Amino acid sequence: MTDLSPNRPARTGGRSARRAARAAPLAAETRPIRAGLSGGQYKPLSDADVLKIHNAALEALETIGLADAPESGIKLLTEAGAILGDDGRIRFPRALVEDMLAKSCKAVTLHGRTPEHDLELSGTRVHYGTAGAAVNLVEPDGREYRHSTVQDLHDAARIAQQLDNIHFIQRPMVCRDILDNLEMDYNTIYACCSGSTKHIGTSFTEPDFVGPALEMLHMIAGGEDAWRARPFVSNSNCFVVPPMKFATEACEVMEACIRGGMPVLLLSAGMAGATAPSTIAGAIVQACAECLAGIVYVNALSPGHPAIFGTWPFGLDLRTGAMTVGSGEQALLSAGCSQMHKFYGIPGGAAAGASDSKLPDMQAGWEQMCSSVMAGLSGLNMVYEAAGMHASLLGFCHESLILGDDIIGQSLRCVRGIEVDDETLALDQMRQVCLGGPGHYLGTDATLARMQTDHVYPNLGDRTSPKEWVELGKPDLIANATARKLEILSERSSARFSPDLDRAIRESFNIHLPA
């Protein structure tokens, strides 16, 4: 029966007030999810499996070793106890690896430009963010790909700044409109830092480009001492070329970054079946061996320097040779690597949340959610490429970044898990409701008290009934994401530099973004 009583409007008003309260930003202490929730519930490897992988990685380092270290690296590593063979490969005695693991940084703080965005990497604390080197921007309204630009990168940082579940911004696109590599490298930093105060990750093309970038970062930080106290940019460094070779120039970049006080991500990105073994276990072994070599390298240069164990093995479709970042195998690779990070006691990161689909569609949804949840449940410290990535890392989509915030929100709720105590067992509620009560839990004090702290509500996901959906004009998910993008980009960046600082940077560097 339809209720036509005079009290009906008052009830509607109360509901509207509650909806408005739910729409308002939650205080940090009442949020049901946040950066750094502890995972680790999911363990695809048994304890025996972990030891087998560890021992195989040590054997690979001791008997196969790595080739192509730069002269500076050869000197550092051999002085630390590594052995340079007649074949030019550097081999790592087991005792050396274990000694350097003991010296390594066990808890890394990745600083934001403002302290509320600091990330504490240790144990099973989970953080999600962007990453990659996509060469295209995906425009879903026209179903088109075009070359990514510095403006696209800046806009991605501005959007990510407004998304609660994107905890860090590692450069997701390359600026294809900047042809000079030095200018591209420092414009990447400018575009990201002027768009967000969250922690930024970036790469450098050549070792000589690190110095100018550090000059800019010192200006942004307010001096070299301030920068070294709170380095808010880290170096994503592909220091190896799988299988089992050092990337000579990238190693020199890494050395320059370490000397400049910049945290480093030791990134090993083999492709299972091409540049890494096709088996999941074998790909993890090789990634661990390569990153352990990186740990020796870093700590030989600067003991205890903040370094992230970046095992990033990718899946491969063996029928075609195409990358499969959205596969179940990829989800297992990243979750298994996460378990190895915990075994070594070192903060680690891997890729999860990316898609092989070309557009933010149903395929993208299932691929992104699968690996996102598994990575979080495994306790992966840094979940890279967690939002916005399409076409096996060739395309980045602003709308998908926004939708990814909802996906990560649900993933983090899974990470948080189920709290079991006297209150959550709810026997008192059951008695109150069932013995002389209303016979349901809707609107009870207990339900209302926990609706914000226990439940995660999507920002764009549609939970209306079909009737309400029609009444609302059949809203479209992608169109709503585009509208949200335009709303964010219509406002000035909250992370923009002061006019004086911006003027000083532009006088020293050729900044391609308009002032």
Protein backbone atom coordinates (compact mmCIF):
# COMPACT_ATOMS: atom_id res chain seq x y z
CA MET A 1 0.00 0.00 0.00
CA THR A 2 1.15 3.54 -0.74
CA ASP A 3 1.60 5.68 2.39
CA LEU A 4 -0.24 8.99 1.87
CA SER A 5 -0.07 10.14 5.49
CA PRO A 6 0.97 13.72 6.36
CA ASN A 7 4.16 12.38 7.95
CA ARG A 8 5.52 11.17 4.60
CA PRO A 9 7.47 14.35 3.67
CA ALA A 10 9.21 14.42 7.04
CA ARG A 11 10.46 10.88 6.50
CA THR A 12 11.70 11.80 3.06
CA GLY A 13 13.50 14.82 4.50
CA GLY A 14 15.22 12.63 7.05
CA ARG A 15 16.31 10.28 4.35
CA SER A 16 17.65 13.19 2.32
CA ALA A 17 19.61 14.42 5.31
CA ARG A 18 21.11 10.99 5.82
CA ARG A 19 22.02 10.81 2.15
CA ALA A 20 23.69 14.21 2.39
CA ALA A 21 25.62 13.07 5.44
CA ARG A 22 26.76 9.97 3.59
CA ALA A 23 27.89 12.05 0.62
CA ALA A 24 30.03 14.34 2.79
CA PRO A 25 33.71 13.40 3.19
CA LEU A 26 34.34 11.17 6.18
CA ALA A 27 36.81 12.06 8.89
CA ALA A 28 39.97 9.95 8.60
CA GLU A 29 39.29 8.07 11.84
CA THR A 30 35.79 7.00 10.73
CA ARG A 31 36.62 5.84 7.21
CA PRO A 32 36.03 2.12 6.67
CA ILE A 33 39.08 1.91 4.39
CA ARG A 34 42.33 3.85 4.13
CA ALA A 35 45.90 3.58 2.89
CA GLY A 36 48.00 1.02 4.72
CA LEU A 37 45.36 -1.52 5.73
CA SER A 38 47.01 -4.85 6.49
CA GLY A 39 46.48 -7.75 4.11
CA GLY A 40 48.28 -11.08 4.07
CA GLN A 41 45.22 -13.30 4.41
CA TYR A 42 45.82 -14.89 1.00
CA LYS A 43 48.93 -17.06 0.55
CA PRO A 44 49.15 -18.88 -2.77
CA LEU A 45 52.50 -20.41 -1.75
CA SER A 46 53.02 -22.84 1.11
CA ASP A 47 55.92 -22.24 3.50
CA ALA A 48 57.78 -25.06 1.76
CA ASP A 49 57.12 -23.43 -1.62
CA VAL A 50 58.54 -20.13 -0.40
CA LEU A 51 61.76 -21.81 0.73
CA LYS A 52 62.09 -23.65 -2.58
CA ILE A 53 61.75 -20.39 -4.52
CA HIS A 54 64.23 -18.65 -2.22
CA ASN A 55 66.82 -21.41 -2.56
CA ALA A 56 66.37 -21.55 -6.33
CA ALA A 57 66.87 -17.76 -6.54
CA LEU A 58 70.07 -18.01 -4.49
CA GLU A 59 71.34 -20.84 -6.68
CA ALA A 60 70.62 -18.79 -9.80
CA LEU A 61 72.60 -15.87 -8.38
CA GLU A 62 75.50 -18.09 -7.33
CA THR A 63 75.79 -20.20 -10.48
CA ILE A 64 74.32 -18.07 -13.31
CA GLY A 65 74.78 -14.52 -12.11
CA LEU A 66 74.06 -11.34 -14.03
CA ALA A 67 75.82 -9.83 -17.05
CA ASP A 68 76.37 -6.26 -18.28
CA ALA A 69 76.97 -4.36 -15.04
CA PRO A 70 78.50 -0.91 -15.56
CA GLU A 71 82.12 -0.42 -14.51
CA SER A 72 80.98 1.44 -11.40
CA GLY A 73 78.69 -1.45 -10.51
CA ILE A 74 81.37 -4.06 -11.06
CA LYS A 75 83.63 -2.17 -8.65
CA LEU A 76 80.91 -1.80 -6.01
CA LEU A 77 79.75 -5.40 -6.22
CA THR A 78 83.15 -7.08 -6.33
CA GLU A 79 84.41 -4.99 -3.43
CA ALA A 80 81.34 -6.15 -1.49
CA GLY A 81 82.15 -9.82 -2.21
CA ALA A 82 80.55 -10.64 -5.57
CA ILE A 83 82.66 -12.56 -8.08
CA LEU A 84 83.37 -11.37 -11.63
CA GLY A 85 83.76 -14.40 -13.89
CA ASP A 86 85.83 -14.77 -17.05
CA ASP A 87 82.53 -14.66 -18.96
CA GLY A 88 81.84 -11.15 -17.65
CA ARG A 89 78.97 -12.28 -15.43
CA ILE A 90 78.84 -11.27 -11.78
CA ARG A 91 77.92 -14.07 -9.40
CA PHE A 92 76.67 -13.60 -5.88
CA PRO A 93 77.67 -15.96 -3.05
CA ARG A 94 74.79 -16.91 -0.81
CA ALA A 95 76.48 -15.39 2.25
CA LEU A 96 76.81 -12.03 0.45
CA VAL A 97 73.10 -11.94 -0.38
CA GLU A 98 72.17 -12.81 3.19
CA ASP A 99 74.51 -10.12 4.58
CA MET A 100 73.03 -7.45 2.32
CA LEU A 101 69.49 -8.52 3.20
CA ALA A 102 70.40 -7.97 6.84
CA LYS A 103 71.61 -4.43 6.01
CA SER A 104 68.63 -3.52 3.84
CA CYS A 105 65.91 -1.05 4.81
CA LYS A 106 63.01 -3.00 6.33
CA ALA A 107 60.49 -0.15 6.60
CA VAL A 108 60.36 2.51 3.90
CA THR A 109 58.49 5.80 4.20
CA LEU A 110 57.45 7.23 0.87
CA HIS A 111 56.76 10.86 1.62
CA GLY A 112 54.08 12.98 0.07
CA ARG A 113 54.75 16.63 -0.57
CA THR A 114 52.39 17.10 2.36
CA PRO A 115 52.57 14.77 5.38
CA GLU A 116 48.98 13.48 5.19
CA HIS A 117 50.01 11.56 2.07
CA ASP A 118 53.02 9.79 3.64
CA LEU A 119 53.01 6.03 3.02
CA GLU A 120 54.50 3.63 5.56
CA LEU A 121 55.72 0.50 3.78
CA SER A 122 56.27 -2.45 6.08
CA GLY A 123 54.74 -5.81 6.92
CA THR A 124 51.51 -6.39 5.02
CA ARG A 125 50.41 -2.75 4.72
CA VAL A 126 48.72 -2.23 1.34
CA HIS A 127 48.77 0.85 -0.92
CA TYR A 128 47.32 1.28 -4.41
CA GLY A 129 48.43 3.70 -7.11
CA THR A 130 49.20 4.33 -10.75
CA ALA A 131 52.29 3.39 -12.73
CA GLY A 132 53.49 2.53 -16.20
CA ALA A 133 54.67 4.10 -19.40
CA ALA A 134 51.57 4.10 -21.58
CA VAL A 135 52.15 5.78 -24.94
CA ASN A 136 48.48 6.49 -25.60
CA LEU A 137 45.55 8.19 -23.93
CA VAL A 138 42.28 6.28 -24.19
CA GLU A 139 39.28 8.45 -25.07
CA PRO A 140 36.25 6.25 -24.40
CA ASP A 141 33.64 8.65 -25.80
CA GLY A 142 35.10 8.29 -29.28
CA ARG A 143 36.59 4.82 -28.66
CA GLU A 144 39.94 6.19 -29.79
CA TYR A 145 43.61 6.04 -28.84
CA ARG A 146 45.91 9.02 -29.36
CA HIS A 147 49.45 9.88 -28.31
CA SER A 148 49.68 10.89 -24.65
CA THR A 149 50.90 14.40 -23.83
CA VAL A 150 52.31 16.30 -20.86
CA GLN A 151 48.86 17.87 -20.38
CA ASP A 152 47.31 14.39 -20.16
CA LEU A 153 49.88 13.44 -17.52
CA HIS A 154 49.22 16.60 -15.53
CA ASP A 155 45.47 15.99 -15.74
CA ALA A 156 45.95 12.41 -14.50
CA ALA A 157 47.83 13.72 -11.46
CA ARG A 158 45.11 16.31 -10.79
CA ILE A 159 42.40 13.65 -10.99
CA ALA A 160 44.34 11.21 -8.79
CA GLN A 161 44.79 13.96 -6.19
CA GLN A 162 41.01 13.97 -5.70
CA LEU A 163 40.60 10.18 -5.44
CA ASP A 164 40.83 8.82 -1.89
CA ASN A 165 41.82 5.30 -2.89
CA ILE A 166 44.70 6.30 -5.17
CA HIS A 167 47.48 6.55 -2.62
CA PHE A 168 50.44 7.42 -4.86
CA ILE A 169 51.08 8.53 -8.43
CA GLN A 170 53.82 6.84 -10.34
CA ARG A 171 53.99 8.28 -13.83
CA PRO A 172 51.38 6.33 -15.87
CA MET A 173 52.06 7.92 -19.29
CA VAL A 174 54.99 9.25 -21.26
CA CYS A 175 54.88 12.77 -22.71
CA ARG A 176 55.05 11.99 -26.41
CA ASP A 177 54.73 15.66 -27.34
CA ILE A 178 58.17 16.40 -25.80
CA LEU A 179 60.89 15.08 -28.10
CA ASP A 180 63.94 16.03 -26.02
CA ASN A 181 64.44 13.28 -23.42
CA LEU A 182 65.93 15.58 -20.78
CA GLU A 183 63.00 17.96 -21.10
CA MET A 184 60.58 15.04 -21.02
CA ASP A 185 62.11 13.77 -17.76
CA TYR A 186 61.94 17.04 -15.84
CA ASN A 187 58.57 18.00 -17.35
CA THR A 188 57.24 14.67 -16.10
CA ILE A 189 58.22 15.69 -12.57
CA TYR A 190 56.76 19.17 -13.00
CA ALA A 191 53.48 17.84 -14.42
CA CYS A 192 53.00 15.31 -11.61
CA CYS A 193 54.14 17.47 -8.70
CA SER A 194 52.09 20.48 -9.79
CA GLY A 195 49.07 18.20 -10.08
CA SER A 196 49.29 16.31 -6.80
CA THR A 197 50.86 16.42 -3.35
CA LYS A 198 50.83 12.62 -3.12
CA HIS A 199 54.05 10.63 -3.50
CA ILE A 200 55.32 10.65 -7.08
CA GLY A 201 57.30 7.97 -8.90
CA THR A 202 59.24 8.66 -12.09
CA SER A 203 62.01 7.39 -14.35
CA PHE A 204 65.06 8.94 -15.98
CA THR A 205 66.30 8.29 -19.50
CA GLU A 206 70.00 8.89 -18.83
CA PRO A 207 72.22 9.24 -15.74
CA ASP A 208 73.08 12.86 -16.58
CA PHE A 209 69.39 13.79 -16.40
CA VAL A 210 69.14 13.03 -12.67
CA GLY A 211 71.10 16.16 -11.66
CA PRO A 212 68.77 18.70 -13.33
CA ALA A 213 65.75 16.86 -11.92
CA LEU A 214 67.21 17.05 -8.43
CA GLU A 215 67.77 20.79 -8.89
CA MET A 216 64.07 21.19 -9.63
CA LEU A 217 63.10 18.99 -6.67
CA HIS A 218 65.31 21.04 -4.35
CA MET A 219 63.48 24.17 -5.53
CA ILE A 220 60.08 22.57 -4.92
CA ALA A 221 61.12 21.25 -1.50
CA GLY A 222 62.68 24.52 -0.37
CA GLY A 223 66.32 23.43 -0.47
CA GLU A 224 68.45 20.30 -0.63
CA ASP A 225 68.26 19.65 3.11
CA ALA A 226 64.46 19.84 3.04
CA TRP A 227 64.42 17.48 0.06
CA ARG A 228 66.69 14.92 1.73
CA ALA A 229 64.58 15.05 4.91
CA ARG A 230 61.37 14.31 2.99
CA PRO A 231 62.03 13.03 -0.56
CA PHE A 232 58.57 13.08 -2.16
CA VAL A 233 59.65 11.59 -5.50
CA SER A 234 61.10 8.10 -6.00
CA ASN A 235 62.91 6.56 -8.95
CA SER A 236 61.24 3.68 -10.75
CA ASN A 237 64.31 1.89 -12.05
CA CYS A 238 64.39 -1.01 -14.51
CA PHE A 239 67.92 -1.89 -13.41
CA VAL A 240 67.77 -5.32 -15.06
CA VAL A 241 67.00 -6.53 -18.57
CA PRO A 242 65.56 -10.01 -18.03
CA PRO A 243 66.75 -12.66 -18.21
CA MET A 244 69.54 -12.05 -15.71
CA LYS A 245 71.32 -9.02 -17.16
CA PHE A 246 71.91 -5.61 -15.68
CA ALA A 247 70.59 -2.63 -17.63
CA THR A 248 73.88 -0.74 -17.76
CA GLU A 249 72.60 2.82 -18.10
CA ALA A 250 69.68 2.29 -15.71
CA CYS A 251 72.16 1.10 -13.06
CA GLU A 252 74.06 4.36 -13.45
CA VAL A 253 70.77 6.26 -13.09
CA MET A 254 70.09 4.28 -9.90
CA GLU A 255 73.49 5.20 -8.48
CA ALA A 256 72.86 8.89 -9.17
CA CYS A 257 69.41 8.74 -7.56
CA ILE A 258 70.76 7.01 -4.45
CA ARG A 259 73.49 9.61 -4.07
CA GLY A 260 70.82 12.29 -4.46
CA GLY A 261 68.76 10.88 -1.58
CA MET A 262 65.95 9.51 -3.74
CA PRO A 263 64.21 6.23 -2.81
CA VAL A 264 64.39 3.60 -5.57
CA LEU A 265 62.06 0.95 -6.89
CA LEU A 266 64.15 -2.04 -8.05
CA LEU A 267 62.03 -3.13 -10.96
CA SER A 268 62.39 -6.54 -12.62
CA ALA A 269 59.75 -6.93 -15.34
CA GLY A 270 60.27 -10.25 -17.07
CA MET A 271 57.57 -11.70 -19.32
CA ALA A 272 56.73 -15.30 -18.48
CA GLY A 273 57.41 -17.38 -21.57
CA ALA A 274 59.59 -14.77 -23.27
CA THR A 275 62.13 -13.11 -20.97
CA ALA A 276 61.28 -15.21 -17.91
CA PRO A 277 60.36 -18.89 -17.47
CA SER A 278 56.80 -19.67 -18.58
CA THR A 279 55.88 -21.30 -15.26
CA ILE A 280 54.56 -19.07 -12.51
CA ALA A 281 57.06 -20.43 -9.99
CA GLY A 282 59.98 -20.04 -12.41
CA ALA A 283 59.03 -16.45 -13.24
CA ILE A 284 58.92 -15.64 -9.53
CA VAL A 285 62.31 -17.30 -8.98
CA GLN A 286 63.95 -15.20 -11.69
CA ALA A 287 62.30 -11.97 -10.49
CA CYS A 288 63.46 -12.64 -6.92
CA ALA A 289 67.00 -13.46 -8.08
CA GLU A 290 67.21 -10.24 -10.11
CA CYS A 291 65.82 -8.09 -7.29
CA LEU A 292 68.10 -9.72 -4.74
CA ALA A 293 71.00 -8.70 -6.98
CA GLY A 294 69.54 -5.20 -6.82
CA ILE A 295 69.43 -5.32 -3.03
CA VAL A 296 73.13 -6.22 -2.99
CA TYR A 297 73.88 -3.38 -5.40
CA VAL A 298 71.95 -0.73 -3.42
CA ASN A 299 73.37 -1.71 -0.05
CA ALA A 300 76.91 -1.97 -1.39
CA LEU A 301 76.58 1.67 -2.40
CA SER A 302 74.54 2.96 0.55
CA PRO A 303 73.64 0.52 3.35
CA GLY A 304 70.01 0.85 4.43
CA HIS A 305 69.00 3.13 1.55
CA PRO A 306 65.21 2.98 1.00
CA ALA A 307 64.58 0.49 -1.80
CA ILE A 308 61.41 -1.34 -2.86
CA PHE A 309 61.67 -4.96 -3.97
CA GLY A 310 59.94 -4.56 -7.33
CA THR A 311 59.27 -8.04 -8.65
CA TRP A 312 57.00 -7.33 -11.66
CA PRO A 313 56.83 -10.51 -13.74
CA PHE A 314 54.11 -10.27 -16.37
CA GLY A 315 51.98 -12.95 -17.95
CA LEU A 316 52.08 -13.85 -21.62
CA ASP A 317 49.44 -15.31 -23.95
CA LEU A 318 51.52 -18.14 -25.37
CA ARG A 319 49.21 -18.44 -28.40
CA THR A 320 50.12 -14.97 -29.65
CA GLY A 321 53.03 -13.66 -27.56
CA ALA A 322 50.87 -10.79 -26.27
CA MET A 323 51.11 -9.53 -22.69
CA THR A 324 48.25 -10.59 -20.42
CA VAL A 325 48.24 -8.17 -17.51
CA GLY A 326 44.56 -8.95 -16.88
CA SER A 327 44.91 -12.72 -16.60
CA GLY A 328 44.51 -15.02 -13.62
CA GLU A 329 48.15 -15.96 -14.06
CA GLN A 330 49.10 -12.30 -13.61
CA ALA A 331 47.11 -12.15 -10.39
CA LEU A 332 48.94 -15.24 -9.11
CA LEU A 333 52.34 -13.89 -10.16
CA SER A 334 51.86 -10.68 -8.19
CA ALA A 335 50.36 -12.40 -5.15
CA GLY A 336 53.19 -14.95 -5.09
CA CYS A 337 55.78 -12.19 -5.34
CA SER A 338 54.10 -10.43 -2.44
CA GLN A 339 54.60 -13.53 -0.32
CA MET A 340 58.29 -13.52 -1.15
CA HIS A 341 58.57 -9.87 -0.10
CA LYS A 342 57.24 -10.84 3.31
CA PHE A 343 59.72 -13.72 3.52
CA TYR A 344 62.60 -11.32 2.89
CA GLY A 345 61.14 -8.71 5.22
CA ILE A 346 61.59 -5.98 2.61
CA PRO A 347 58.91 -3.58 1.35
CA GLY A 348 57.81 -4.75 -2.08
CA GLY A 349 55.65 -3.90 -5.03
CA ALA A 350 54.18 -5.56 -8.10
CA ALA A 351 51.64 -4.84 -10.82
CA ALA A 352 47.93 -5.51 -10.36
CA GLY A 353 44.70 -3.85 -11.45
CA ALA A 354 45.59 -3.35 -15.13
CA SER A 355 43.60 -4.65 -18.08
CA ASP A 356 44.16 -6.08 -21.53
CA SER A 357 40.85 -4.59 -22.65
CA LYS A 358 41.06 -1.52 -24.84
CA LEU A 359 38.22 0.33 -23.11
CA PRO A 360 36.66 0.55 -19.62
CA ASP A 361 34.17 -2.25 -20.31
CA MET A 362 33.07 -5.50 -18.70
CA GLN A 363 36.34 -7.25 -19.61
CA ALA A 364 38.29 -4.45 -17.97
CA GLY A 365 36.12 -4.75 -14.86
CA TRP A 366 36.71 -8.44 -14.28
CA GLU A 367 40.40 -8.21 -15.09
CA GLN A 368 41.04 -5.20 -12.87
CA MET A 369 39.06 -6.52 -9.91
CA CYS A 370 40.61 -10.01 -9.95
CA SER A 371 44.23 -8.96 -9.60
CA SER A 372 43.42 -5.91 -7.47
CA VAL A 373 41.72 -8.02 -4.79
CA MET A 374 44.32 -10.80 -4.86
CA ALA A 375 47.19 -8.33 -4.56
CA GLY A 376 45.55 -6.61 -1.62
CA LEU A 377 44.68 -9.84 0.16
CA SER A 378 48.28 -11.02 -0.27
CA GLY A 379 49.50 -7.93 1.61
CA LEU A 380 51.38 -6.36 -1.31
CA ASN A 381 52.85 -3.09 -0.01
CA MET A 382 52.70 -1.22 -3.33
CA VAL A 383 50.11 -2.21 -5.91
CA TYR A 384 51.31 -0.52 -9.08
CA GLU A 385 49.27 0.14 -12.25
CA ALA A 386 46.17 -0.33 -10.11
CA ALA A 387 43.91 2.08 -11.99
CA GLY A 388 43.56 3.48 -15.49
CA MET A 389 45.74 1.02 -17.43
CA HIS A 390 44.44 -0.62 -20.62
CA ALA A 391 45.64 -2.49 -23.71
CA SER A 392 48.33 -4.42 -21.81
CA LEU A 393 49.87 -1.14 -20.56
CA LEU A 394 49.80 0.67 -23.91
CA GLY A 395 46.88 2.96 -23.03
CA PHE A 396 45.87 5.04 -20.02
CA CYS A 397 42.34 6.31 -19.47
CA HIS A 398 41.28 9.18 -17.20
CA GLU A 399 37.74 7.78 -16.89
CA SER A 400 39.12 4.38 -15.95
CA LEU A 401 41.30 6.04 -13.30
CA ILE A 402 38.14 7.44 -11.74
CA LEU A 403 36.29 4.13 -11.98
CA GLY A 404 39.36 2.38 -10.58
CA ASP A 405 38.94 4.36 -7.39
CA ASP A 406 35.68 2.46 -6.82
CA ILE A 407 37.30 -0.88 -7.67
CA ILE A 408 40.14 -0.24 -5.24
CA GLY A 409 37.62 0.81 -2.58
CA GLN A 410 35.94 -2.57 -2.78
CA SER A 411 39.34 -4.31 -2.88
CA LEU A 412 40.41 -2.50 0.29
CA ARG A 413 37.19 -3.57 2.00
CA CYS A 414 38.16 -7.16 1.24
CA VAL A 415 41.65 -6.45 2.62
CA ARG A 416 40.18 -5.12 5.84
CA GLY A 417 38.38 -8.41 6.33
CA ILE A 418 35.87 -9.44 8.99
CA GLU A 419 36.11 -8.22 12.58
CA VAL A 420 34.76 -10.72 15.09
CA ASP A 421 34.07 -9.50 18.64
CA ASP A 422 31.14 -9.26 21.05
CA GLU A 423 29.73 -6.23 19.27
CA THR A 424 30.00 -7.55 15.72
CA LEU A 425 28.57 -10.96 16.69
CA ALA A 426 25.41 -8.90 17.34
CA LEU A 427 23.60 -11.18 19.77
CA ASP A 428 22.22 -8.19 21.68
CA GLN A 429 20.87 -6.78 18.42
CA MET A 430 19.25 -10.11 17.58
CA ARG A 431 17.51 -10.23 20.95
CA GLN A 432 16.29 -6.65 20.65
CA VAL A 433 14.96 -7.09 17.12
CA CYS A 434 13.53 -10.59 17.43
CA LEU A 435 12.03 -10.52 20.95
CA GLY A 436 9.37 -7.85 20.79
CA GLY A 437 11.22 -5.64 18.36
CA PRO A 438 10.41 -4.61 14.78
CA GLY A 439 11.56 -7.90 13.26
CA HIS A 440 14.19 -6.26 11.06
CA TYR A 441 17.44 -4.34 11.45
CA LEU A 442 16.69 -1.42 9.14
CA GLY A 443 17.07 1.87 10.95
CA THR A 444 18.14 0.44 14.30
CA ASP A 445 20.67 2.43 16.31
CA ALA A 446 23.28 -0.27 15.83
CA THR A 447 22.79 -0.37 12.07
CA LEU A 448 22.91 3.40 11.70
CA ALA A 449 25.94 3.67 13.99
CA ARG A 450 28.03 1.38 11.81
CA MET A 451 26.78 2.17 8.32
CA GLN A 452 29.67 4.56 7.63
CA THR A 453 32.46 2.78 9.47
CA ASP A 454 31.75 -0.75 8.19
CA HIS A 455 30.52 -0.23 4.65
CA VAL A 456 32.14 1.15 1.51
CA TYR A 457 29.82 2.90 -0.92
CA PRO A 458 30.77 3.37 -4.58
CA ASN A 459 31.07 6.89 -5.89
CA LEU A 460 29.94 6.02 -9.41
CA GLY A 461 28.76 2.43 -9.21
CA ASP A 462 24.97 2.25 -9.71
CA ARG A 463 22.94 0.43 -7.05
CA THR A 464 19.51 1.79 -7.98
CA SER A 465 16.56 -0.43 -8.95
CA PRO A 466 15.67 -0.71 -12.65
CA LYS A 467 12.68 1.59 -12.01
CA GLU A 468 14.85 4.24 -10.35
CA TRP A 469 17.45 3.85 -13.09
CA VAL A 470 14.83 4.67 -15.72
CA GLU A 471 13.52 7.60 -13.68
CA LEU A 472 17.05 9.00 -13.45
CA GLY A 473 17.39 8.97 -17.24
CA LYS A 474 19.29 5.65 -17.49
CA PRO A 475 22.64 7.06 -16.31
CA ASP A 476 25.70 5.65 -18.06
CA LEU A 477 28.77 4.70 -16.04
CA ILE A 478 31.35 5.99 -18.52
CA ALA A 479 29.44 9.21 -19.15
CA ASN A 480 29.29 9.82 -15.41
CA ALA A 481 33.04 9.21 -15.12
CA THR A 482 33.63 11.71 -17.92
CA ALA A 483 31.44 14.24 -16.12
CA ARG A 484 33.43 13.71 -12.93
CA LYS A 485 36.68 14.15 -14.87
CA LEU A 486 35.50 17.44 -16.33
CA GLU A 487 34.32 18.60 -12.90
CA ILE A 488 37.76 17.95 -11.38
CA LEU A 489 39.64 19.54 -14.25
CA SER A 490 37.44 22.64 -14.20
CA GLU A 491 38.99 23.60 -10.87
CA ARG A 492 42.54 24.87 -10.44
CA SER A 493 45.02 22.31 -9.16
CA SER A 494 45.17 22.25 -5.38
CA ALA A 495 48.83 21.17 -5.67
CA ARG A 496 49.94 24.05 -7.89
CA PHE A 497 53.13 25.86 -6.97
CA SER A 498 53.19 29.39 -5.61
CA PRO A 499 53.55 32.05 -8.33
CA ASP A 500 57.09 32.89 -7.20
CA LEU A 501 58.20 29.26 -7.19
CA ASP A 502 56.55 28.55 -10.52
CA ARG A 503 58.22 31.58 -12.06
CA ALA A 504 61.61 30.49 -10.73
CA ILE A 505 61.18 26.96 -12.10
CA ARG A 506 60.15 28.27 -15.51
CA GLU A 507 63.17 30.57 -15.59
CA SER A 508 65.46 27.58 -14.99
CA PHE A 509 63.69 24.91 -17.06
CA ASN A 510 61.78 24.75 -20.34
CA ILE A 511 58.36 23.87 -18.96
CA HIS A 512 55.91 22.77 -21.63
CA LEU A 513 52.70 23.12 -19.63
CA PRO A 514 51.12 26.56 -19.99
CA ALA A 515 51.52 28.80 -16.94
